[in-house]
Amino acid sequence: MMMLSERRAEEIALSCLTWLAGNEDLLPVFLGASGLAVDELRQAAQTPEFLGAVLDFILMDDAWVRACCEAGNLGYDLPMQARASLPGGEQVHWT
């Protein structure tokens, strides 16, 4: 998998957050899981760790990934690449 720059990864994550914020079915689920209120999203979105959490959430369901990527005109592999490029996204090798 190609590594993206952290800046590009953040841009992709922000695109995904924009999609998520506009999804009235999923946004409450994400807010409940994150413990944030709607008015806290803008502040949280400035941290790479939170953007990683946004991607972790979207990556839980292939249908969400497809919908998000189609809405943001992103390749289907970009959210996963972006996640790997943000803090906490490193793959763990157990051997």
PDB file of N, CA and C in Angstrom:
ATOM      1  N   MET A   1       0.850  -1.182   0.000  1.00  0.00           N
ATOM      2  CA  MET A   1       0.000   0.000   0.000  1.00  0.00           C
ATOM      3  C   MET A   1       0.894   1.244   0.000  1.00  0.00           C
ATOM      4  N   MET A   2       0.540   2.189  -0.836  1.00  0.00           N
ATOM      5  CA  MET A   2       1.309   3.425  -0.930  1.00  0.00           C
ATOM      6  C   MET A   2       0.996   4.319   0.280  1.00  0.00           C
ATOM      7  N   MET A   3       2.039   4.888   0.856  1.00  0.00           N
ATOM      8  CA  MET A   3       1.834   5.813   1.967  1.00  0.00           C
ATOM      9  C   MET A   3       1.557   7.209   1.420  1.00  0.00           C
ATOM     10  N   LEU A   4       0.565   7.851   1.978  1.00  0.00           N
ATOM     11  CA  LEU A   4       0.232   9.227   1.615  1.00  0.00           C
ATOM     12  C   LEU A   4       0.936  10.164   2.585  1.00  0.00           C
ATOM     13  N   SER A   5       1.119  11.403   2.162  1.00  0.00           N
ATOM     14  CA  SER A   5       1.628  12.395   3.109  1.00  0.00           C
ATOM     15  C   SER A   5       0.543  12.618   4.161  1.00  0.00           C
ATOM     16  N   GLU A   6       0.941  13.041   5.351  1.00  0.00           N
ATOM     17  CA  GLU A   6      -0.053  13.285   6.396  1.00  0.00           C
ATOM     18  C   GLU A   6      -1.026  14.369   5.961  1.00  0.00           C
ATOM     19  N   ARG A   7      -0.541  15.353   5.233  1.00  0.00           N
ATOM     20  CA  ARG A   7      -1.423  16.432   4.749  1.00  0.00           C
ATOM     21  C   ARG A   7      -2.503  15.889   3.818  1.00  0.00           C
ATOM     22  N   ARG A   8      -2.100  15.020   2.867  1.00  0.00           N
ATOM     23  CA  ARG A   8      -3.080  14.433   1.932  1.00  0.00           C
ATOM     24  C   ARG A   8      -4.038  13.519   2.692  1.00  0.00           C
ATOM     25  N   ALA A   9      -3.511  12.774   3.655  1.00  0.00           N
ATOM     26  CA  ALA A   9      -4.366  11.901   4.463  1.00  0.00           C
ATOM     27  C   ALA A   9      -5.407  12.723   5.221  1.00  0.00           C
ATOM     28  N   GLU A  10      -4.997  13.865   5.753  1.00  0.00           N
ATOM     29  CA  GLU A  10      -5.929  14.736   6.469  1.00  0.00           C
ATOM     30  C   GLU A  10      -6.991  15.288   5.516  1.00  0.00           C
ATOM     31  N   GLU A  11      -6.601  15.637   4.289  1.00  0.00           N
ATOM     32  CA  GLU A  11      -7.572  16.132   3.305  1.00  0.00           C
ATOM     33  C   GLU A  11      -8.625  15.071   3.005  1.00  0.00           C
ATOM     34  N   ILE A  12      -8.183  13.833   2.833  1.00  0.00           N
ATOM     35  CA  ILE A  12      -9.116  12.733   2.563  1.00  0.00           C
ATOM     36  C   ILE A  12     -10.035  12.524   3.763  1.00  0.00           C
ATOM     37  N   ALA A  13      -9.460  12.537   4.959  1.00  0.00           N
ATOM     38  CA  ALA A  13     -10.265  12.356   6.171  1.00  0.00           C
ATOM     39  C   ALA A  13     -11.285  13.480   6.333  1.00  0.00           C
ATOM     40  N   LEU A  14     -10.904  14.709   5.999  1.00  0.00           N
ATOM     41  CA  LEU A  14     -11.844  15.828   6.084  1.00  0.00           C
ATOM     42  C   LEU A  14     -12.983  15.667   5.074  1.00  0.00           C
ATOM     43  N   SER A  15     -12.661  15.150   3.897  1.00  0.00           N
ATOM     44  CA  SER A  15     -13.702  14.863   2.917  1.00  0.00           C
ATOM     45  C   SER A  15     -14.662  13.814   3.468  1.00  0.00           C
ATOM     46  N   CYS A  16     -14.117  12.803   4.121  1.00  0.00           N
ATOM     47  CA  CYS A  16     -14.959  11.765   4.728  1.00  0.00           C
ATOM     48  C   CYS A  16     -15.797  12.328   5.872  1.00  0.00           C
ATOM     49  N   LEU A  17     -15.207  13.223   6.665  1.00  0.00           N
ATOM     50  CA  LEU A  17     -15.956  13.856   7.753  1.00  0.00           C
ATOM     51  C   LEU A  17     -17.096  14.707   7.197  1.00  0.00           C
ATOM     52  N   THR A  18     -16.856  15.394   6.104  1.00  0.00           N
ATOM     53  CA  THR A  18     -17.901  16.199   5.471  1.00  0.00           C
ATOM     54  C   THR A  18     -19.068  15.307   5.056  1.00  0.00           C
ATOM     55  N   TRP A  19     -18.738  14.160   4.457  1.00  0.00           N
ATOM     56  CA  TRP A  19     -19.783  13.211   4.077  1.00  0.00           C
ATOM     57  C   TRP A  19     -20.537  12.723   5.317  1.00  0.00           C
ATOM     58  N   LEU A  20     -19.795  12.368   6.339  1.00  0.00           N
ATOM     59  CA  LEU A  20     -20.405  11.850   7.562  1.00  0.00           C
ATOM     60  C   LEU A  20     -21.306  12.901   8.215  1.00  0.00           C
ATOM     61  N   ALA A  21     -20.849  14.143   8.252  1.00  0.00           N
ATOM     62  CA  ALA A  21     -21.629  15.221   8.865  1.00  0.00           C
ATOM     63  C   ALA A  21     -22.942  15.449   8.128  1.00  0.00           C
ATOM     64  N   GLY A  22     -22.964  15.153   6.837  1.00  0.00           N
ATOM     65  CA  GLY A  22     -24.179  15.322   6.052  1.00  0.00           C
ATOM     66  C   GLY A  22     -25.087  14.105   6.056  1.00  0.00           C
ATOM     67  N   ASN A  23     -24.678  13.045   6.733  1.00  0.00           N
ATOM     68  CA  ASN A  23     -25.463  11.813   6.763  1.00  0.00           C
ATOM     69  C   ASN A  23     -26.262  11.771   8.063  1.00  0.00           C
ATOM     70  N   GLU A  24     -27.548  12.086   7.960  1.00  0.00           N
ATOM     71  CA  GLU A  24     -28.346  12.211   9.179  1.00  0.00           C
ATOM     72  C   GLU A  24     -28.629  10.885   9.871  1.00  0.00           C
ATOM     73  N   ASP A  25     -28.370   9.765   9.197  1.00  0.00           N
ATOM     74  CA  ASP A  25     -28.524   8.462   9.852  1.00  0.00           C
ATOM     75  C   ASP A  25     -27.255   8.067  10.614  1.00  0.00           C
ATOM     76  N   LEU A  26     -26.091   8.303  10.004  1.00  0.00           N
ATOM     77  CA  LEU A  26     -24.832   7.863  10.608  1.00  0.00           C
ATOM     78  C   LEU A  26     -24.227   8.859  11.587  1.00  0.00           C
ATOM     79  N   LEU A  27     -24.443  10.141  11.368  1.00  0.00           N
ATOM     80  CA  LEU A  27     -23.814  11.139  12.239  1.00  0.00           C
ATOM     81  C   LEU A  27     -24.156  10.917  13.715  1.00  0.00           C
ATOM     82  N   PRO A  28     -25.415  10.679  14.074  1.00  0.00           N
ATOM     83  CA  PRO A  28     -25.712  10.443  15.496  1.00  0.00           C
ATOM     84  C   PRO A  28     -25.000   9.196  16.046  1.00  0.00           C
ATOM     85  N   VAL A  29     -24.825   8.179  15.215  1.00  0.00           N
ATOM     86  CA  VAL A  29     -24.130   6.969  15.645  1.00  0.00           C
ATOM     87  C   VAL A  29     -22.663   7.302  15.922  1.00  0.00           C
ATOM     88  N   PHE A  30     -22.052   8.066  15.016  1.00  0.00           N
ATOM     89  CA  PHE A  30     -20.657   8.460  15.205  1.00  0.00           C
ATOM     90  C   PHE A  30     -20.496   9.342  16.441  1.00  0.00           C
ATOM     91  N   LEU A  31     -21.394  10.301  16.600  1.00  0.00           N
ATOM     92  CA  LEU A  31     -21.311  11.187  17.765  1.00  0.00           C
ATOM     93  C   LEU A  31     -21.470  10.399  19.055  1.00  0.00           C
ATOM     94  N   GLY A  32     -22.374   9.424  19.054  1.00  0.00           N
ATOM     95  CA  GLY A  32     -22.557   8.590  20.234  1.00  0.00           C
ATOM     96  C   GLY A  32     -21.308   7.774  20.539  1.00  0.00           C
ATOM     97  N   ALA A  33     -20.675   7.255  19.502  1.00  0.00           N
ATOM     98  CA  ALA A  33     -19.469   6.447  19.687  1.00  0.00           C
ATOM     99  C   ALA A  33     -18.285   7.303  20.131  1.00  0.00           C
ATOM    100  N   SER A  34     -18.211   8.534  19.622  1.00  0.00           N
ATOM    101  CA  SER A  34     -17.068   9.398  19.935  1.00  0.00           C
ATOM    102  C   SER A  34     -17.256  10.192  21.225  1.00  0.00           C
ATOM    103  N   GLY A  35     -18.516  10.360  21.641  1.00  0.00           N
ATOM    104  CA  GLY A  35     -18.784  11.152  22.831  1.00  0.00           C
ATOM    105  C   GLY A  35     -18.780  12.656  22.576  1.00  0.00           C
ATOM    106  N   LEU A  36     -18.701  13.053  21.316  1.00  0.00           N
ATOM    107  CA  LEU A  36     -18.671  14.481  20.974  1.00  0.00           C
ATOM    108  C   LEU A  36     -20.069  15.007  20.687  1.00  0.00           C
ATOM    109  N   ALA A  37     -20.230  16.301  20.834  1.00  0.00           N
ATOM    110  CA  ALA A  37     -21.438  16.996  20.406  1.00  0.00           C
ATOM    111  C   ALA A  37     -21.162  17.593  19.029  1.00  0.00           C
ATOM    112  N   VAL A  38     -22.215  17.890  18.282  1.00  0.00           N
ATOM    113  CA  VAL A  38     -22.059  18.437  16.932  1.00  0.00           C
ATOM    114  C   VAL A  38     -21.162  19.670  16.937  1.00  0.00           C
ATOM    115  N   ASP A  39     -21.350  20.549  17.913  1.00  0.00           N
ATOM    116  CA  ASP A  39     -20.579  21.793  17.937  1.00  0.00           C
ATOM    117  C   ASP A  39     -19.102  21.577  18.282  1.00  0.00           C
ATOM    118  N   GLU A  40     -18.727  20.372  18.662  1.00  0.00           N
ATOM    119  CA  GLU A  40     -17.326  20.073  18.956  1.00  0.00           C
ATOM    120  C   GLU A  40     -16.578  19.500  17.743  1.00  0.00           C
ATOM    121  N   LEU A  41     -17.300  19.184  16.686  1.00  0.00           N
ATOM    122  CA  LEU A  41     -16.668  18.555  15.512  1.00  0.00           C
ATOM    123  C   LEU A  41     -15.610  19.433  14.864  1.00  0.00           C
ATOM    124  N   ARG A  42     -15.915  20.700  14.679  1.00  0.00           N
ATOM    125  CA  ARG A  42     -14.971  21.601  13.994  1.00  0.00           C
ATOM    126  C   ARG A  42     -13.632  21.662  14.734  1.00  0.00           C
ATOM    127  N   GLN A  43     -13.689  21.773  16.048  1.00  0.00           N
ATOM    128  CA  GLN A  43     -12.464  21.813  16.856  1.00  0.00           C
ATOM    129  C   GLN A  43     -11.718  20.482  16.769  1.00  0.00           C
ATOM    130  N   ALA A  44     -12.447  19.386  16.919  1.00  0.00           N
ATOM    131  CA  ALA A  44     -11.828  18.060  16.889  1.00  0.00           C
ATOM    132  C   ALA A  44     -11.200  17.761  15.538  1.00  0.00           C
ATOM    133  N   ALA A  45     -11.813  18.276  14.470  1.00  0.00           N
ATOM    134  CA  ALA A  45     -11.339  18.002  13.116  1.00  0.00           C
ATOM    135  C   ALA A  45      -9.950  18.581  12.846  1.00  0.00           C
ATOM    136  N   GLN A  46      -9.450  19.380  13.749  1.00  0.00           N
ATOM    137  CA  GLN A  46      -8.119  19.962  13.581  1.00  0.00           C
ATOM    138  C   GLN A  46      -7.010  19.035  14.073  1.00  0.00           C
ATOM    139  N   THR A  47      -7.388  17.884  14.627  1.00  0.00           N
ATOM    140  CA  THR A  47      -6.371  16.972  15.149  1.00  0.00           C
ATOM    141  C   THR A  47      -6.304  15.712  14.289  1.00  0.00           C
ATOM    142  N   PRO A  48      -5.099  15.292  13.931  1.00  0.00           N
ATOM    143  CA  PRO A  48      -4.949  14.090  13.105  1.00  0.00           C
ATOM    144  C   PRO A  48      -5.499  12.837  13.788  1.00  0.00           C
ATOM    145  N   GLU A  49      -5.441  12.781  15.117  1.00  0.00           N
ATOM    146  CA  GLU A  49      -5.954  11.615  15.834  1.00  0.00           C
ATOM    147  C   GLU A  49      -7.475  11.483  15.651  1.00  0.00           C
ATOM    148  N   PHE A  50      -8.180  12.608  15.717  1.00  0.00           N
ATOM    149  CA  PHE A  50      -9.628  12.572  15.512  1.00  0.00           C
ATOM    150  C   PHE A  50      -9.947  12.188  14.073  1.00  0.00           C
ATOM    151  N   LEU A  51      -9.197  12.720  13.130  1.00  0.00           N
ATOM    152  CA  LEU A  51      -9.436  12.376  11.725  1.00  0.00           C
ATOM    153  C   LEU A  51      -9.224  10.878  11.506  1.00  0.00           C
ATOM    154  N   GLY A  52      -8.261  10.309  12.205  1.00  0.00           N
ATOM    155  CA  GLY A  52      -8.070   8.860  12.143  1.00  0.00           C
ATOM    156  C   GLY A  52      -9.282   8.118  12.674  1.00  0.00           C
ATOM    157  N   ALA A  53      -9.881   8.646  13.738  1.00  0.00           N
ATOM    158  CA  ALA A  53     -11.074   8.028  14.312  1.00  0.00           C
ATOM    159  C   ALA A  53     -12.252   8.095  13.337  1.00  0.00           C
ATOM    160  N   VAL A  54     -12.356   9.192  12.603  1.00  0.00           N
ATOM    161  CA  VAL A  54     -13.401   9.320  11.574  1.00  0.00           C
ATOM    162  C   VAL A  54     -13.224   8.209  10.543  1.00  0.00           C
ATOM    163  N   LEU A  55     -11.985   8.031  10.093  1.00  0.00           N
ATOM    164  CA  LEU A  55     -11.725   6.990   9.098  1.00  0.00           C
ATOM    165  C   LEU A  55     -11.959   5.597   9.674  1.00  0.00           C
ATOM    166  N   ASP A  56     -11.557   5.378  10.925  1.00  0.00           N
ATOM    167  CA  ASP A  56     -11.815   4.080  11.560  1.00  0.00           C
ATOM    168  C   ASP A  56     -13.310   3.769  11.530  1.00  0.00           C
ATOM    169  N   PHE A  57     -14.124   4.759  11.832  1.00  0.00           N
ATOM    170  CA  PHE A  57     -15.567   4.571  11.853  1.00  0.00           C
ATOM    171  C   PHE A  57     -16.094   4.224  10.467  1.00  0.00           C
ATOM    172  N   ILE A  58     -15.721   4.989   9.474  1.00  0.00           N
ATOM    173  CA  ILE A  58     -16.229   4.759   8.115  1.00  0.00           C
ATOM    174  C   ILE A  58     -15.745   3.422   7.570  1.00  0.00           C
ATOM    175  N   LEU A  59     -14.515   3.063   7.905  1.00  0.00           N
ATOM    176  CA  LEU A  59     -13.945   1.809   7.404  1.00  0.00           C
ATOM    177  C   LEU A  59     -14.596   0.566   8.008  1.00  0.00           C
ATOM    178  N   MET A  60     -15.474   0.732   8.981  1.00  0.00           N
ATOM    179  CA  MET A  60     -16.152  -0.416   9.585  1.00  0.00           C
ATOM    180  C   MET A  60     -17.154  -1.063   8.634  1.00  0.00           C
ATOM    181  N   ASP A  61     -17.590  -0.353   7.604  1.00  0.00           N
ATOM    182  CA  ASP A  61     -18.632  -0.883   6.717  1.00  0.00           C
ATOM    183  C   ASP A  61     -18.296  -0.543   5.265  1.00  0.00           C
ATOM    184  N   ASP A  62     -18.200  -1.574   4.437  1.00  0.00           N
ATOM    185  CA  ASP A  62     -17.860  -1.354   3.024  1.00  0.00           C
ATOM    186  C   ASP A  62     -18.867  -0.450   2.326  1.00  0.00           C
ATOM    187  N   ALA A  63     -20.123  -0.534   2.701  1.00  0.00           N
ATOM    188  CA  ALA A  63     -21.145   0.321   2.078  1.00  0.00           C
ATOM    189  C   ALA A  63     -20.885   1.790   2.416  1.00  0.00           C
ATOM    190  N   TRP A  64     -20.432   2.051   3.637  1.00  0.00           N
ATOM    191  CA  TRP A  64     -20.116   3.428   4.023  1.00  0.00           C
ATOM    192  C   TRP A  64     -18.915   3.928   3.232  1.00  0.00           C
ATOM    193  N   VAL A  65     -17.918   3.069   3.067  1.00  0.00           N
ATOM    194  CA  VAL A  65     -16.729   3.453   2.297  1.00  0.00           C
ATOM    195  C   VAL A  65     -17.133   3.797   0.870  1.00  0.00           C
ATOM    196  N   ARG A  66     -17.936   2.937   0.254  1.00  0.00           N
ATOM    197  CA  ARG A  66     -18.369   3.198  -1.128  1.00  0.00           C
ATOM    198  C   ARG A  66     -19.133   4.515  -1.226  1.00  0.00           C
ATOM    199  N   ALA A  67     -20.098   4.706  -0.336  1.00  0.00           N
ATOM    200  CA  ALA A  67     -20.925   5.924  -0.379  1.00  0.00           C
ATOM    201  C   ALA A  67     -20.074   7.170  -0.162  1.00  0.00           C
ATOM    202  N   CYS A  68     -19.178   7.098   0.798  1.00  0.00           N
ATOM    203  CA  CYS A  68     -18.305   8.229   1.111  1.00  0.00           C
ATOM    204  C   CYS A  68     -17.396   8.557  -0.075  1.00  0.00           C
ATOM    205  N   CYS A  69     -16.797   7.536  -0.644  1.00  0.00           N
ATOM    206  CA  CYS A  69     -15.877   7.744  -1.764  1.00  0.00           C
ATOM    207  C   CYS A  69     -16.604   8.270  -2.989  1.00  0.00           C
ATOM    208  N   GLU A  70     -17.790   7.747  -3.245  1.00  0.00           N
ATOM    209  CA  GLU A  70     -18.565   8.232  -4.391  1.00  0.00           C
ATOM    210  C   GLU A  70     -18.969   9.683  -4.190  1.00  0.00           C
ATOM    211  N   ALA A  71     -19.358  10.048  -2.988  1.00  0.00           N
ATOM    212  CA  ALA A  71     -19.753  11.434  -2.713  1.00  0.00           C
ATOM    213  C   ALA A  71     -18.571  12.388  -2.827  1.00  0.00           C
ATOM    214  N   GLY A  72     -17.387  11.933  -2.399  1.00  0.00           N
ATOM    215  CA  GLY A  72     -16.205  12.786  -2.415  1.00  0.00           C
ATOM    216  C   GLY A  72     -15.317  12.616  -3.633  1.00  0.00           C
ATOM    217  N   ASN A  73     -15.782  11.783  -4.592  1.00  0.00           N
ATOM    218  CA  ASN A  73     -15.011  11.504  -5.799  1.00  0.00           C
ATOM    219  C   ASN A  73     -13.602  10.999  -5.446  1.00  0.00           C
ATOM    220  N   LEU A  74     -13.557  10.037  -4.523  1.00  0.00           N
ATOM    221  CA  LEU A  74     -12.300   9.449  -4.062  1.00  0.00           C
ATOM    222  C   LEU A  74     -12.217   8.002  -4.520  1.00  0.00           C
ATOM    223  N   GLY A  75     -11.016   7.529  -4.745  1.00  0.00           N
ATOM    224  CA  GLY A  75     -10.818   6.111  -5.012  1.00  0.00           C
ATOM    225  C   GLY A  75     -11.188   5.313  -3.770  1.00  0.00           C
ATOM    226  N   TYR A  76     -11.745   4.120  -3.974  1.00  0.00           N
ATOM    227  CA  TYR A  76     -12.206   3.309  -2.844  1.00  0.00           C
ATOM    228  C   TYR A  76     -11.082   2.927  -1.882  1.00  0.00           C
ATOM    229  N   ASP A  77      -9.855   2.943  -2.342  1.00  0.00           N
ATOM    230  CA  ASP A  77      -8.726   2.563  -1.491  1.00  0.00           C
ATOM    231  C   ASP A  77      -8.170   3.730  -0.675  1.00  0.00           C
ATOM    232  N   LEU A  78      -8.580   4.944  -0.986  1.00  0.00           N
ATOM    233  CA  LEU A  78      -7.981   6.109  -0.332  1.00  0.00           C
ATOM    234  C   LEU A  78      -8.282   6.237   1.165  1.00  0.00           C
ATOM    235  N   PRO A  79      -9.490   5.935   1.643  1.00  0.00           N
ATOM    236  CA  PRO A  79      -9.687   6.032   3.096  1.00  0.00           C
ATOM    237  C   PRO A  79      -8.742   5.107   3.878  1.00  0.00           C
ATOM    238  N   MET A  80      -8.523   3.909   3.385  1.00  0.00           N
ATOM    239  CA  MET A  80      -7.616   2.978   4.072  1.00  0.00           C
ATOM    240  C   MET A  80      -6.172   3.488   4.007  1.00  0.00           C
ATOM    241  N   GLN A  81      -5.775   4.005   2.851  1.00  0.00           N
ATOM    242  CA  GLN A  81      -4.424   4.569   2.736  1.00  0.00           C
ATOM    243  C   GLN A  81      -4.261   5.770   3.661  1.00  0.00           C
ATOM    244  N   ALA A  82      -5.283   6.613   3.703  1.00  0.00           N
ATOM    245  CA  ALA A  82      -5.223   7.790   4.572  1.00  0.00           C
ATOM    246  C   ALA A  82      -5.130   7.362   6.035  1.00  0.00           C
ATOM    247  N   ARG A  83      -5.899   6.338   6.406  1.00  0.00           N
ATOM    248  CA  ARG A  83      -5.864   5.871   7.803  1.00  0.00           C
ATOM    249  C   ARG A  83      -4.477   5.397   8.188  1.00  0.00           C
ATOM    250  N   ALA A  84      -3.822   4.711   7.277  1.00  0.00           N
ATOM    251  CA  ALA A  84      -2.476   4.190   7.550  1.00  0.00           C
ATOM    252  C   ALA A  84      -1.460   5.319   7.704  1.00  0.00           C
ATOM    253  N   SER A  85      -1.773   6.487   7.158  1.00  0.00           N
ATOM    254  CA  SER A  85      -0.839   7.614   7.183  1.00  0.00           C
ATOM    255  C   SER A  85      -1.066   8.565   8.355  1.00  0.00           C
ATOM    256  N   LEU A  86      -2.116   8.326   9.136  1.00  0.00           N
ATOM    257  CA  LEU A  86      -2.412   9.181  10.285  1.00  0.00           C
ATOM    258  C   LEU A  86      -1.997   8.476  11.579  1.00  0.00           C
ATOM    259  N   PRO A  87      -1.790   9.240  12.659  1.00  0.00           N
ATOM    260  CA  PRO A  87      -1.375   8.631  13.931  1.00  0.00           C
ATOM    261  C   PRO A  87      -2.310   7.507  14.367  1.00  0.00           C
ATOM    262  N   GLY A  88      -1.717   6.399  14.766  1.00  0.00           N
ATOM    263  CA  GLY A  88      -2.483   5.251  15.220  1.00  0.00           C
ATOM    264  C   GLY A  88      -2.894   4.306  14.117  1.00  0.00           C
ATOM    265  N   GLY A  89      -2.563   4.635  12.886  1.00  0.00           N
ATOM    266  CA  GLY A  89      -2.990   3.808  11.762  1.00  0.00           C
ATOM    267  C   GLY A  89      -1.958   2.807  11.288  1.00  0.00           C
ATOM    268  N   GLU A  90      -0.842   2.746  11.991  1.00  0.00           N
ATOM    269  CA  GLU A  90       0.213   1.830  11.576  1.00  0.00           C
ATOM    270  C   GLU A  90      -0.273   0.391  11.711  1.00  0.00           C
ATOM    271  N   GLN A  91       0.119  -0.429  10.757  1.00  0.00           N
ATOM    272  CA  GLN A  91      -0.221  -1.840  10.840  1.00  0.00           C
ATOM    273  C   GLN A  91       0.663  -2.510  11.887  1.00  0.00           C
ATOM    274  N   VAL A  92       0.062  -3.350  12.672  1.00  0.00           N
ATOM    275  CA  VAL A  92       0.793  -4.069  13.697  1.00  0.00           C
ATOM    276  C   VAL A  92       1.288  -5.385  13.107  1.00  0.00           C
ATOM    277  N   HIS A  93       2.572  -5.639  13.253  1.00  0.00           N
ATOM    278  CA  HIS A  93       3.145  -6.907  12.804  1.00  0.00           C
ATOM    279  C   HIS A  93       3.492  -7.712  14.048  1.00  0.00           C
ATOM    280  N   TRP A  94       2.850  -8.849  14.192  1.00  0.00           N
ATOM    281  CA  TRP A  94       2.992  -9.651  15.394  1.00  0.00           C
ATOM    282  C   TRP A  94       4.163 -10.618  15.333  1.00  0.00           C
ATOM    283  N   THR A  95       4.847 -10.663  14.206  1.00  0.00           N
ATOM    284  CA  THR A  95       5.979 -11.599  14.099  1.00  0.00           C
ATOM    285  C   THR A  95       7.297 -10.884  14.158  1.00  0.00           C
TER     286      THR A  95
END
